[in-house]
Each structure stands twice: as structure tokens, then as C-alpha cells.
Amino acid sequence: MSLVVHGTNGLTFNDASLQSSALQAASAWAKFNGTGTVAINDSFNVSSITDNGVGDYTLNFTTAMASANYTMAGACEQTATSLFSVMPQGAHGTAGLRVETSYVNATTNRTKLDRVYISVACFGGV
């Protein structure tokens, strides 16, 4: 296994398969459009995304995680007056991860909404 570190390019993996086994690197990630027909803009170890309904998506992993003991981080675009969240929905799965995007404010409960720019990254589980 070899790893090359470049001053201007950051961390570079000579073989993409090494990324999924390195604990400090994302095991899977995707940036996708969650409105209309869901479309992946870019990804690693995510083969497709299932649209389960408004603000409800499943990221399907190309290679299953070895365990469900991974963490996820997510983000989506905000508006000037509204906050949105990306949260896991249910338990983490080894074959995929279900997430929801929702509107959150101090006076109402969460309301699921589709978002144009959604990013999710998973770490661990290898």
C-alpha cells in the first residue's frame, strides 16, 4: 500500500480502493440533486440514490460497509431565513444509508423538503 502526499493537492491515493480502507478517509460520499429526478453530481462508493419521497433518500453503496458502525455527516443549501438539516433516518445499514432533509426552525416541527444541493459523507464501517 502506498500513499502520496502533495503539498498543493492534499492527500492522494494511488489506488482508489485504498480510500475505502483508510479510516481517516471517507468510506462513501455523494453530492446530489434531491429535487425532481434525483441525480448524483459526484460520489465515491455510492452506486445510486433512491428517492423515497419528499426529503427522503437512500444512498446505495457500491461496496457494502463491513459493519454498520460508521458515522455520517451531511449538509444541504440554506436560504437567508431558513435552516435545513440532513439527518440519518433509522439505523445505519451496511448496504446503504437512508437520510432525510428537513426544514427546522424554533416555532415548528421538522418538515421534510427536497433540496437541490445535498452532500453526505460516511466515515468508518470498514
C-alpha atoms as a PDB file:
ATOM      1  CA  MET A   1       0.000   0.000   0.000  1.00  0.00           C
ATOM      2  CA  SER A   2       1.427   3.357  -0.951  1.00  0.00           C
ATOM      3  CA  LEU A   3       0.265   6.840  -0.147  1.00  0.00           C
ATOM      4  CA  VAL A   4       1.463  10.053  -1.734  1.00  0.00           C
ATOM      5  CA  VAL A   5       1.100  13.428  -0.032  1.00  0.00           C
ATOM      6  CA  HIS A   6       1.402  16.514  -2.213  1.00  0.00           C
ATOM      7  CA  GLY A   7       1.788  19.998  -0.783  1.00  0.00           C
ATOM      8  CA  THR A   8      -0.803  21.637  -3.042  1.00  0.00           C
ATOM      9  CA  ASN A   9      -3.090  18.678  -3.784  1.00  0.00           C
ATOM     10  CA  GLY A  10      -3.530  17.334  -0.271  1.00  0.00           C
ATOM     11  CA  LEU A  11      -3.913  13.598   0.284  1.00  0.00           C
ATOM     12  CA  THR A  12      -3.744  11.476  -2.873  1.00  0.00           C
ATOM     13  CA  PHE A  13      -4.491   7.741  -3.051  1.00  0.00           C
ATOM     14  CA  ASN A  14      -2.611   5.925  -5.829  1.00  0.00           C
ATOM     15  CA  ASP A  15      -5.358   3.311  -5.943  1.00  0.00           C
ATOM     16  CA  ALA A  16      -9.000   4.329  -5.311  1.00  0.00           C
ATOM     17  CA  SER A  17      -9.607   1.031  -3.486  1.00  0.00           C
ATOM     18  CA  LEU A  18      -7.233   2.222  -0.750  1.00  0.00           C
ATOM     19  CA  GLN A  19      -9.569   5.101   0.094  1.00  0.00           C
ATOM     20  CA  SER A  20     -12.295   2.774   1.351  1.00  0.00           C
ATOM     21  CA  SER A  21      -9.893   1.033   3.726  1.00  0.00           C
ATOM     22  CA  ALA A  22      -8.302   4.145   5.203  1.00  0.00           C
ATOM     23  CA  LEU A  23     -10.062   5.122   8.428  1.00  0.00           C
ATOM     24  CA  GLN A  24      -9.154   8.776   8.034  1.00  0.00           C
ATOM     25  CA  ALA A  25     -10.808   8.971   4.597  1.00  0.00           C
ATOM     26  CA  ALA A  26     -14.500   8.802   3.728  1.00  0.00           C
ATOM     27  CA  SER A  27     -15.759   5.258   3.135  1.00  0.00           C
ATOM     28  CA  ALA A  28     -18.545   6.663   0.955  1.00  0.00           C
ATOM     29  CA  TRP A  29     -19.715  10.125  -0.066  1.00  0.00           C
ATOM     30  CA  ALA A  30     -22.028  11.791  -2.538  1.00  0.00           C
ATOM     31  CA  LYS A  31     -23.148  15.215  -3.658  1.00  0.00           C
ATOM     32  CA  PHE A  32     -26.527  15.028  -5.337  1.00  0.00           C
ATOM     33  CA  ASN A  33     -29.547  16.989  -6.546  1.00  0.00           C
ATOM     34  CA  GLY A  34     -32.552  15.968  -4.446  1.00  0.00           C
ATOM     35  CA  THR A  35     -35.246  17.725  -6.500  1.00  0.00           C
ATOM     36  CA  GLY A  36     -37.175  16.334  -9.472  1.00  0.00           C
ATOM     37  CA  THR A  37     -35.302  13.306 -10.790  1.00  0.00           C
ATOM     38  CA  VAL A  38     -32.558  12.679  -8.221  1.00  0.00           C
ATOM     39  CA  ALA A  39     -29.121  12.918  -9.826  1.00  0.00           C
ATOM     40  CA  ILE A  40     -25.642  12.260  -8.428  1.00  0.00           C
ATOM     41  CA  ASN A  41     -23.244  15.134  -9.192  1.00  0.00           C
ATOM     42  CA  ASP A  42     -20.195  13.274  -7.871  1.00  0.00           C
ATOM     43  CA  SER A  43     -19.580  10.380  -5.488  1.00  0.00           C
ATOM     44  CA  PHE A  44     -17.316   7.689  -4.107  1.00  0.00           C
ATOM     45  CA  ASN A  45     -18.686   4.223  -3.239  1.00  0.00           C
ATOM     46  CA  VAL A  46     -22.284   5.313  -3.925  1.00  0.00           C
ATOM     47  CA  SER A  47     -23.808   3.440  -6.871  1.00  0.00           C
ATOM     48  CA  SER A  48     -27.213   5.138  -6.884  1.00  0.00           C
ATOM     49  CA  ILE A  49     -29.646   7.153  -4.802  1.00  0.00           C
ATOM     50  CA  THR A  50     -33.248   6.105  -4.267  1.00  0.00           C
ATOM     51  CA  ASP A  51     -35.881   8.845  -3.906  1.00  0.00           C
ATOM     52  CA  ASN A  52     -38.250   7.507  -1.217  1.00  0.00           C
ATOM     53  CA  GLY A  53     -40.478  10.602  -1.232  1.00  0.00           C
ATOM     54  CA  VAL A  54     -40.218  14.261  -0.245  1.00  0.00           C
ATOM     55  CA  GLY A  55     -36.941  14.869   1.593  1.00  0.00           C
ATOM     56  CA  ASP A  56     -36.265  11.126   1.952  1.00  0.00           C
ATOM     57  CA  TYR A  57     -33.350   9.411   0.174  1.00  0.00           C
ATOM     58  CA  THR A  58     -31.368   6.184   0.331  1.00  0.00           C
ATOM     59  CA  LEU A  59     -27.708   6.194  -0.679  1.00  0.00           C
ATOM     60  CA  ASN A  60     -26.888   2.727  -2.048  1.00  0.00           C
ATOM     61  CA  PHE A  61     -23.252   1.755  -1.542  1.00  0.00           C
ATOM     62  CA  THR A  62     -21.248   0.223  -4.391  1.00  0.00           C
ATOM     63  CA  THR A  63     -19.320  -1.895  -1.890  1.00  0.00           C
ATOM     64  CA  ALA A  64     -21.123  -2.684   1.357  1.00  0.00           C
ATOM     65  CA  MET A  65     -19.658  -1.455   4.620  1.00  0.00           C
ATOM     66  CA  ALA A  66     -18.080  -4.193   6.732  1.00  0.00           C
ATOM     67  CA  SER A  67     -20.185  -3.022   9.682  1.00  0.00           C
ATOM     68  CA  ALA A  68     -22.926  -0.513  10.440  1.00  0.00           C
ATOM     69  CA  ASN A  69     -20.630   1.202  12.959  1.00  0.00           C
ATOM     70  CA  TYR A  70     -19.890   4.235  10.817  1.00  0.00           C
ATOM     71  CA  THR A  71     -20.722   7.872  11.223  1.00  0.00           C
ATOM     72  CA  MET A  72     -22.282  10.197   8.688  1.00  0.00           C
ATOM     73  CA  ALA A  73     -22.163  13.913   8.126  1.00  0.00           C
ATOM     74  CA  GLY A  74     -24.488  15.789   5.839  1.00  0.00           C
ATOM     75  CA  ALA A  75     -25.231  19.262   4.585  1.00  0.00           C
ATOM     76  CA  CYS A  76     -27.584  20.991   2.180  1.00  0.00           C
ATOM     77  CA  GLU A  77     -28.083  24.535   0.942  1.00  0.00           C
ATOM     78  CA  GLN A  78     -29.707  27.079   3.208  1.00  0.00           C
ATOM     79  CA  THR A  79     -31.846  30.105   2.469  1.00  0.00           C
ATOM     80  CA  ALA A  80     -31.497  33.536   4.042  1.00  0.00           C
ATOM     81  CA  THR A  81     -34.273  32.862   6.562  1.00  0.00           C
ATOM     82  CA  SER A  82     -34.495  29.070   6.842  1.00  0.00           C
ATOM     83  CA  LEU A  83     -32.313  26.329   8.283  1.00  0.00           C
ATOM     84  CA  PHE A  84     -32.269  22.833   6.831  1.00  0.00           C
ATOM     85  CA  SER A  85     -30.780  19.627   8.185  1.00  0.00           C
ATOM     86  CA  VAL A  86     -29.589  16.311   6.768  1.00  0.00           C
ATOM     87  CA  MET A  87     -30.144  13.514   9.273  1.00  0.00           C
ATOM     88  CA  PRO A  88     -29.961   9.710   9.152  1.00  0.00           C
ATOM     89  CA  GLN A  89     -33.345   8.035   9.090  1.00  0.00           C
ATOM     90  CA  GLY A  90     -33.318   4.841  11.140  1.00  0.00           C
ATOM     91  CA  ALA A  91     -30.306   2.624  11.771  1.00  0.00           C
ATOM     92  CA  HIS A  92     -27.259   2.735   9.505  1.00  0.00           C
ATOM     93  CA  GLY A  93     -27.223  -0.156   7.038  1.00  0.00           C
ATOM     94  CA  THR A  94     -24.205  -1.884   5.553  1.00  0.00           C
ATOM     95  CA  ALA A  95     -25.637  -1.788   2.002  1.00  0.00           C
ATOM     96  CA  GLY A  96     -26.866   1.797   2.170  1.00  0.00           C
ATOM     97  CA  LEU A  97     -27.890   4.756   4.292  1.00  0.00           C
ATOM     98  CA  ARG A  98     -31.289   6.428   4.453  1.00  0.00           C
ATOM     99  CA  VAL A  99     -31.264  10.187   5.106  1.00  0.00           C
ATOM    100  CA  GLU A 100     -33.824  12.963   5.252  1.00  0.00           C
ATOM    101  CA  THR A 101     -33.581  16.665   4.512  1.00  0.00           C
ATOM    102  CA  SER A 102     -35.897  18.844   6.526  1.00  0.00           C
ATOM    103  CA  TYR A 103     -36.749  22.431   7.381  1.00  0.00           C
ATOM    104  CA  VAL A 104     -36.143  23.303  11.020  1.00  0.00           C
ATOM    105  CA  ASN A 105     -36.974  26.425  12.999  1.00  0.00           C
ATOM    106  CA  ALA A 106     -37.765  27.375  16.581  1.00  0.00           C
ATOM    107  CA  THR A 107     -41.543  27.531  16.182  1.00  0.00           C
ATOM    108  CA  THR A 108     -42.410  24.468  14.099  1.00  0.00           C
ATOM    109  CA  ASN A 109     -41.534  20.805  13.965  1.00  0.00           C
ATOM    110  CA  ARG A 110     -39.320  19.419  11.242  1.00  0.00           C
ATOM    111  CA  THR A 111     -40.890  19.416   7.798  1.00  0.00           C
ATOM    112  CA  LYS A 112     -39.311  17.216   5.117  1.00  0.00           C
ATOM    113  CA  LEU A 113     -38.382  19.140   1.968  1.00  0.00           C
ATOM    114  CA  ASP A 114     -36.405  18.290  -1.164  1.00  0.00           C
ATOM    115  CA  ARG A 115     -33.184  20.292  -1.552  1.00  0.00           C
ATOM    116  CA  VAL A 116     -31.160  20.993  -4.680  1.00  0.00           C
ATOM    117  CA  TYR A 117     -27.684  20.535  -3.181  1.00  0.00           C
ATOM    118  CA  ILE A 118     -27.225  17.674  -0.706  1.00  0.00           C
ATOM    119  CA  SER A 119     -23.882  16.295   0.454  1.00  0.00           C
ATOM    120  CA  VAL A 120     -23.403  13.186   2.603  1.00  0.00           C
ATOM    121  CA  ALA A 121     -20.161  11.556   3.762  1.00  0.00           C
ATOM    122  CA  CYS A 122     -19.698   8.317   5.727  1.00  0.00           C
ATOM    123  CA  PHE A 123     -16.593   7.517   7.791  1.00  0.00           C
ATOM    124  CA  GLY A 124     -15.633   4.150   9.302  1.00  0.00           C
ATOM    125  CA  GLY A 125     -17.588   0.919   8.894  1.00  0.00           C
ATOM    126  CA  VAL A 126     -14.612  -0.770   7.225  1.00  0.00           C
END
